[in-house]
Protein backbone atom coordinates (compact mmCIF):
# COMPACT_ATOMS: atom_id res chain seq x y z
CA UNK A 1 7.69 4.56 -18.97
CA UNK A 2 10.75 6.92 -17.36
CA UNK A 3 10.78 6.30 -13.86
CA UNK A 4 11.18 9.25 -11.44
CA UNK A 5 13.43 6.92 -8.90
CA UNK A 6 15.11 4.31 -10.75
CA UNK A 7 17.19 2.97 -7.77
CA UNK A 8 15.14 3.20 -4.82
CA UNK A 9 16.18 1.74 -1.44
CA UNK A 10 14.52 -1.17 -0.39
CA UNK A 11 14.38 -2.18 2.92
CA UNK A 12 13.41 -5.77 4.17
CA UNK A 13 10.00 -6.80 5.67
CA UNK A 14 9.54 -6.38 9.33
CA UNK A 15 7.23 -9.42 8.95
CA UNK A 16 8.08 -11.16 12.01
CA UNK A 17 7.97 -8.27 14.34
CA UNK A 18 4.72 -7.35 13.07
CA UNK A 19 3.22 -10.93 12.53
CA UNK A 20 4.31 -11.63 16.14
CA UNK A 21 2.62 -8.42 17.46
CA UNK A 22 -0.66 -9.21 15.87
CA UNK A 23 -1.19 -12.43 17.58
CA UNK A 24 -2.39 -10.14 20.45
CA UNK A 25 -5.47 -8.86 18.30
CA UNK A 26 -8.41 -6.80 20.37
CA UNK A 27 -11.61 -8.09 19.84
CA UNK A 28 -13.26 -4.78 20.79
CA UNK A 29 -13.79 -3.45 17.59
CA UNK A 30 -11.28 -0.59 17.81
CA UNK A 31 -8.05 -0.26 16.16
CA UNK A 32 -4.02 0.93 16.88
CA UNK A 33 -1.56 2.17 14.55
CA UNK A 34 -0.61 -1.65 14.05
CA UNK A 35 -3.86 -2.04 12.79
CA UNK A 36 -3.57 -0.03 10.09
CA UNK A 37 -0.14 -0.27 9.19
CA UNK A 38 -0.81 -4.08 8.66
CA UNK A 39 -3.76 -2.79 6.09
CA UNK A 40 -1.21 -0.58 4.16
CA UNK A 41 1.98 -2.25 4.62
CA UNK A 42 1.72 -4.24 0.97
CA UNK A 43 0.22 -1.89 -1.01
CA UNK A 44 2.19 -1.82 -4.12
CA UNK A 45 4.21 1.38 -5.07
CA UNK A 46 2.83 2.25 -8.68
CA UNK A 47 6.56 2.79 -10.13
CA UNK A 48 8.24 -0.14 -8.65
CA UNK A 49 7.44 -3.75 -7.82
CA UNK A 50 7.85 -3.33 -4.02
CA UNK A 51 5.61 -2.75 -1.49
CA UNK A 52 5.20 0.76 0.84
CA UNK A 53 6.52 -1.13 3.49
CA UNK A 54 9.74 -2.13 1.41
CA UNK A 55 10.10 1.26 0.29
CA UNK A 56 9.71 3.14 3.85
CA UNK A 57 6.33 4.93 2.24
CA UNK A 58 4.48 3.91 5.14
CA UNK A 59 5.58 3.71 8.99
CA UNK A 60 4.36 2.48 11.85
CA UNK A 61 5.47 5.20 13.93
CA UNK A 62 3.80 7.63 11.37
CA UNK A 63 0.38 6.28 12.38
CA UNK A 64 -2.15 7.51 14.78
CA UNK A 65 -5.35 6.34 15.91
CA UNK A 66 -7.85 7.86 18.26
CA UNK A 67 -10.84 5.72 18.49
CA UNK A 68 -12.95 8.31 20.97
CA UNK A 69 -13.00 10.51 18.10
CA UNK A 70 -12.79 7.83 15.33
CA UNK A 71 -10.11 9.79 13.74
CA UNK A 72 -7.04 8.09 11.84
CA UNK A 73 -4.15 10.29 10.90
CA UNK A 74 -0.99 9.23 9.22
CA UNK A 75 1.80 10.39 7.32
CA UNK A 76 3.36 8.98 4.24
CA UNK A 77 6.92 9.58 2.83
CA UNK A 78 7.65 9.59 -0.81
CA UNK A 79 10.96 7.93 -2.10
CA UNK A 80 11.98 11.36 -3.89
CA UNK A 81 10.89 14.84 -3.30
CA UNK A 82 10.05 15.65 -6.50
CA UNK A 83 7.84 12.56 -7.03
CA UNK A 84 4.62 12.95 -9.01
CA UNK A 85 3.21 9.80 -7.99
CA UNK A 86 2.38 10.80 -4.21
CA UNK A 87 -1.15 11.80 -4.95
CA UNK A 88 -1.79 8.47 -6.30
CA UNK A 89 -0.04 6.84 -3.42
CA UNK A 90 -2.19 8.77 -1.10
CA UNK A 91 -5.38 7.98 -3.00
CA UNK A 92 -4.24 4.07 -2.96
CA UNK A 93 -4.24 4.64 1.07
CA UNK A 94 -7.49 5.96 1.29
CA UNK A 95 -9.10 3.74 -0.66
CA UNK A 96 -7.34 0.81 1.22
CA UNK A 97 -8.70 2.23 4.46
CA UNK A 98 -12.05 3.54 3.18
CA UNK A 99 -12.55 -0.51 2.09
CA UNK A 100 -11.29 -1.72 5.27
CA UNK A 101 -12.40 0.38 8.01
CA UNK A 102 -16.32 1.71 9.30
CA UNK A 103 -17.17 4.92 7.33
CA UNK A 104 -17.50 6.37 11.07
CA UNK A 105 -13.89 6.96 10.88
CA UNK A 106 -12.33 10.27 9.96
CA UNK A 107 -8.96 9.54 7.68
CA UNK A 108 -6.58 12.52 7.56
CA UNK A 109 -3.80 11.56 5.12
CA UNK A 110 -0.61 13.60 4.40
CA UNK A 111 2.88 13.79 3.23
CA UNK A 112 5.53 13.56 5.79
CA UNK A 113 6.55 17.08 6.86
CA UNK A 114 9.68 18.37 4.35
CA UNK A 115 9.62 14.98 2.59
CA UNK A 116 7.93 16.65 -0.81
CA UNK A 117 8.48 19.70 -3.03
CA UNK A 118 5.10 20.07 -3.41
CA UNK A 119 3.65 19.36 0.44
CA UNK A 120 1.12 21.88 0.47
CA UNK A 121 -0.34 20.92 -2.89
CA UNK A 122 -0.30 17.20 -2.81
CA UNK A 123 -1.91 17.59 1.09
CA UNK A 124 -4.75 20.00 0.01
CA UNK A 125 -5.71 17.68 -2.74
CA UNK A 126 -5.70 14.62 -0.38
CA UNK A 127 -7.93 16.76 2.29
CA UNK A 128 -10.07 17.60 -0.61
CA UNK A 129 -13.43 15.33 -0.77
CA UNK A 130 -14.60 16.92 -3.98
CA UNK A 131 -10.97 16.42 -5.79
CA UNK A 132 -10.65 12.82 -4.38
CA UNK A 133 -14.69 11.80 -5.52
CA UNK A 134 -13.53 13.66 -9.03
CA UNK A 135 -9.87 11.71 -9.41
CA UNK A 136 -11.86 8.19 -8.60
CA UNK A 137 -14.20 9.30 -11.19
CA UNK A 138 -11.18 8.55 -13.65
CA UNK A 139 -11.16 5.44 -15.36
CA UNK A 140 -7.61 5.60 -16.06
CA UNK A 141 -6.46 6.83 -12.49
CA UNK A 142 -9.14 4.21 -10.79
CA UNK A 143 -7.47 1.50 -12.51
CA UNK A 144 -3.96 2.54 -11.51
CA UNK A 145 -5.18 2.55 -8.01
CA UNK A 146 -6.70 -0.93 -8.30
CA UNK A 147 -3.52 -1.93 -9.69
CA UNK A 148 -1.64 -0.78 -6.59
CA UNK A 149 -4.44 -2.89 -4.39
CA UNK A 150 -4.58 -5.95 -6.55
CA UNK A 151 -1.03 -6.13 -7.14
CA UNK A 152 -0.44 -6.25 -3.25
CA UNK A 153 -3.12 -9.11 -2.44
CA UNK A 154 -1.19 -10.97 -5.66
CA UNK A 155 1.92 -10.73 -3.98
CA UNK A 156 0.63 -11.48 -0.41
CA UNK A 157 -1.11 -14.41 -1.83
CA UNK A 158 2.51 -15.60 -3.90
CA UNK A 159 4.25 -15.39 -0.46
CA UNK A 160 1.72 -17.98 1.08
CA UNK A 161 1.71 -20.26 -1.95
CA UNK A 162 5.90 -19.97 -1.61
CA UNK A 163 6.18 -20.45 1.71
CA UNK A 164 3.87 -23.71 1.52
CA UNK A 165 6.01 -25.18 -1.63
CA UNK A 166 8.91 -24.56 0.81
CA UNK A 167 7.37 -26.57 3.44
CA UNK A 168 6.33 -29.27 1.47
CA UNK A 169 10.26 -28.93 -0.09
CA UNK A 170 11.50 -29.61 3.65
CA UNK A 171 8.85 -32.70 3.84
CA UNK A 172 9.48 -34.24 0.46
CA UNK A 173 6.06 -34.23 0.32
CA UNK A 174 5.24 -32.01 -3.01
CA UNK A 175 1.63 -30.54 -3.43
CA UNK A 176 -0.11 -28.95 -6.20
CA UNK A 177 1.23 -25.46 -4.07
CA UNK A 178 4.31 -25.94 -6.18
CA UNK A 179 2.51 -25.64 -9.53
CA UNK A 180 0.57 -22.74 -7.91
CA UNK A 181 3.57 -21.10 -7.41
CA UNK A 182 4.56 -20.80 -10.84
CA UNK A 183 1.41 -19.80 -12.17
CA UNK A 184 0.77 -17.22 -9.57
CA UNK A 185 4.32 -15.66 -10.30
CA UNK A 186 2.94 -15.52 -14.45
CA UNK A 187 0.44 -13.74 -12.89
CA UNK A 188 1.90 -11.35 -10.75
CA UNK A 189 4.27 -10.30 -13.75
CA UNK A 190 1.57 -9.48 -15.86
CA UNK A 191 0.25 -7.31 -12.96
CA UNK A 192 3.75 -5.48 -12.61
CA UNK A 193 4.32 -4.67 -16.40
CA UNK A 194 0.75 -3.09 -16.57
CA UNK A 195 1.21 0.53 -18.52
CA UNK A 196 0.30 3.17 -16.65
CA UNK A 197 -0.88 5.95 -19.18
CA UNK A 198 -0.61 8.87 -16.89
CA UNK A 199 -0.62 10.77 -13.60
CA UNK A 200 -3.54 13.07 -12.43
CA UNK A 201 -2.70 16.69 -13.26
CA UNK A 202 -2.17 18.71 -9.87
CA UNK A 203 -4.35 21.60 -9.63
């Protein structure tokens, strides 16, 4: 598959700042922009083995939450203005949020103004419930969305195992985590090499 953006700019993860801020998590059932960012940051880009955070497709400052009105609004930024994967990225974000937060919240997802050549068309599709439902009934597209979400989970698990293995090396006390890291890397490589056959036709 020919890549739309073969050399994307990859940014470092903001783990220290984000994780430290999450230590003061709320217990009243409400959400803030950081909560939503945490849910989305590790989604894998459909084209590259990088997360939406690493490619700055999602940003904390572009997320707004209104708990009184039960509304979450966010913008995402495709890596190139002609990205045909923008709809798929938006669908992946929507599915992740629908899986993670109460259905009482309304979710508005749009591309950042000026960041995509077909901004209006992408936003229209992402805001149309019938189109979204129809798109997710397409087995091929659904598999692509699941790839983005599953790869993110595997990457997070791999990171955890690598840290545990590194800690074992520091204490000179090897454990099964060292073997698990190797196995997890092989599994992650298989997911990243998944063949993406097609992109949903834009209407």
